[in-house]
């Protein structure tokens, strides 16, 4: 049985503690980029410091735990608030994100069932 995190949450609901390491990235969204005729790089930045949490990973979870996480990450609202530890500020932060991918392997449907190698990918709004 997985333990609830005191840090990570979706819309205020604490999720199960993900396996380490938790990958994250901040990047700038470009609508276009290229080179001018004079050779200078040109870009049109749409948004700065967009959060990406690729593969929030769980080695194994029961089917009940998986359905619970699925309901939180793949809810009907397109965007949701994700609370996480942000190393860029050295503390807890919350960002609006959406889940663009999830995966796992169904290993057993007997008893509580077992899903392994579960991962959710989040992208900032």
Protein backbone atom coordinates (compact mmCIF):
# COMPACT_ATOMS: atom_id res chain seq x y z
CA UNK A 1 0.00 0.00 0.00
CA UNK A 2 1.40 3.38 -1.02
CA UNK A 3 1.79 6.30 1.40
CA UNK A 4 0.29 9.75 0.84
CA UNK A 5 2.72 12.57 0.22
CA UNK A 6 2.78 15.63 2.45
CA UNK A 7 4.09 17.68 -0.49
CA UNK A 8 2.57 16.51 -3.78
CA UNK A 9 -1.11 17.27 -4.37
CA UNK A 10 -3.69 17.63 -7.14
CA UNK A 11 -6.29 20.35 -6.45
CA UNK A 12 -5.42 20.10 -2.76
CA UNK A 13 -5.80 16.29 -2.60
CA UNK A 14 -2.52 14.71 -1.53
CA UNK A 15 -1.38 12.02 -3.95
CA UNK A 16 0.76 8.98 -3.28
CA UNK A 17 4.46 9.74 -2.92
CA UNK A 18 6.08 9.24 -6.34
CA UNK A 19 9.21 7.15 -6.71
CA UNK A 20 12.48 9.06 -6.85
CA UNK A 21 13.81 10.63 -8.90
CA UNK A 22 11.06 13.04 -9.89
CA UNK A 23 12.03 14.54 -13.24
CA UNK A 24 11.10 18.15 -13.89
CA UNK A 25 12.01 20.80 -16.40
CA UNK A 26 11.26 24.45 -16.99
CA UNK A 27 11.42 25.71 -20.53
CA UNK A 28 10.29 28.52 -22.77
CA UNK A 29 7.58 27.95 -25.36
CA UNK A 30 8.44 29.32 -28.78
CA UNK A 31 5.84 29.95 -31.46
CA UNK A 32 8.55 30.31 -34.08
CA UNK A 33 12.30 30.33 -34.24
CA UNK A 34 14.83 30.53 -36.99
CA UNK A 35 17.52 32.67 -38.56
CA UNK A 36 17.28 35.98 -40.33
CA UNK A 37 18.97 36.53 -43.70
CA UNK A 38 21.84 38.14 -41.83
CA UNK A 39 22.34 34.93 -39.81
CA UNK A 40 21.03 36.13 -36.44
CA UNK A 41 18.83 33.81 -34.42
CA UNK A 42 15.28 35.08 -34.05
CA UNK A 43 12.57 33.65 -31.86
CA UNK A 44 9.09 34.51 -30.71
CA UNK A 45 8.68 33.44 -27.09
CA UNK A 46 5.07 32.77 -26.16
CA UNK A 47 5.60 31.87 -22.49
CA UNK A 48 8.58 31.69 -20.14
CA UNK A 49 9.35 28.99 -17.53
CA UNK A 50 6.71 26.41 -18.43
CA UNK A 51 6.79 23.44 -16.05
CA UNK A 52 7.10 19.90 -17.36
CA UNK A 53 7.02 16.86 -15.05
CA UNK A 54 7.63 13.91 -17.32
CA UNK A 55 7.06 10.49 -15.85
CA UNK A 56 5.86 10.88 -12.30
CA UNK A 57 6.62 7.24 -11.65
CA UNK A 58 5.32 4.46 -9.42
CA UNK A 59 6.96 1.03 -9.47
CA UNK A 60 3.72 -0.71 -8.49
CA UNK A 61 0.25 0.14 -7.22
CA UNK A 62 -3.02 -1.64 -6.69
CA UNK A 63 -5.84 -1.24 -9.18
CA UNK A 64 -7.73 0.85 -6.61
CA UNK A 65 -4.74 3.19 -6.17
CA UNK A 66 -4.30 3.41 -9.95
CA UNK A 67 -7.99 4.28 -10.53
CA UNK A 68 -7.78 6.92 -7.82
CA UNK A 69 -4.71 8.52 -9.40
CA UNK A 70 -6.22 8.24 -12.88
CA UNK A 71 -9.33 10.09 -11.69
CA UNK A 72 -7.19 12.92 -10.26
CA UNK A 73 -4.83 13.31 -13.23
CA UNK A 74 -7.27 12.64 -16.07
CA UNK A 75 -10.25 14.54 -14.71
CA UNK A 76 -12.80 16.25 -16.90
CA UNK A 77 -11.36 19.72 -16.20
CA UNK A 78 -8.65 20.34 -18.74
CA UNK A 79 -6.27 21.99 -16.25
CA UNK A 80 -5.74 21.37 -12.55
CA UNK A 81 -3.49 22.64 -9.77
CA UNK A 82 -0.42 20.54 -9.08
CA UNK A 83 1.49 21.17 -5.85
CA UNK A 84 5.11 20.02 -5.80
CA UNK A 85 8.55 20.80 -4.39
CA UNK A 86 10.12 23.38 -6.67
CA UNK A 87 13.94 23.36 -6.43
CA UNK A 88 14.14 26.67 -8.31
CA UNK A 89 12.51 28.49 -5.38
CA UNK A 90 13.57 26.04 -2.65
CA UNK A 91 10.05 25.35 -1.46
CA UNK A 92 6.52 24.27 -2.25
CA UNK A 93 4.93 25.65 -5.41
CA UNK A 94 1.63 25.16 -7.22
CA UNK A 95 1.20 25.33 -11.00
CA UNK A 96 -1.71 24.81 -13.34
CA UNK A 97 -1.00 21.74 -15.46
CA UNK A 98 -2.65 19.11 -17.60
CA UNK A 99 -1.83 15.42 -17.91
CA UNK A 100 -0.84 14.66 -21.48
CA UNK A 101 0.09 11.00 -21.03
CA UNK A 102 -0.10 8.07 -18.64
CA UNK A 103 1.02 4.47 -18.90
CA UNK A 104 1.45 1.27 -16.93
CA UNK A 105 1.34 -2.51 -17.14
CA UNK A 106 -1.64 -4.46 -15.84
CA UNK A 107 -0.06 -7.45 -14.10
CA UNK A 108 -3.00 -8.93 -12.19
CA UNK A 109 -6.72 -8.44 -11.72
CA UNK A 110 -6.95 -10.93 -8.86
CA UNK A 111 -7.37 -9.71 -5.28
CA UNK A 112 -6.58 -6.00 -5.20
CA UNK A 113 -4.98 -6.23 -8.64
CA UNK A 114 -1.56 -4.92 -9.56
CA UNK A 115 -0.39 -2.29 -12.03
CA UNK A 116 3.37 -1.82 -12.48
CA UNK A 117 5.62 0.80 -14.03
CA UNK A 118 2.93 3.49 -13.79
CA UNK A 119 3.82 6.95 -15.01
CA UNK A 120 1.97 10.23 -15.52
CA UNK A 121 3.35 13.15 -17.54
CA UNK A 122 2.29 16.70 -16.67
CA UNK A 123 2.73 19.89 -18.68
CA UNK A 124 2.27 23.42 -17.35
CA UNK A 125 -0.42 25.66 -18.71
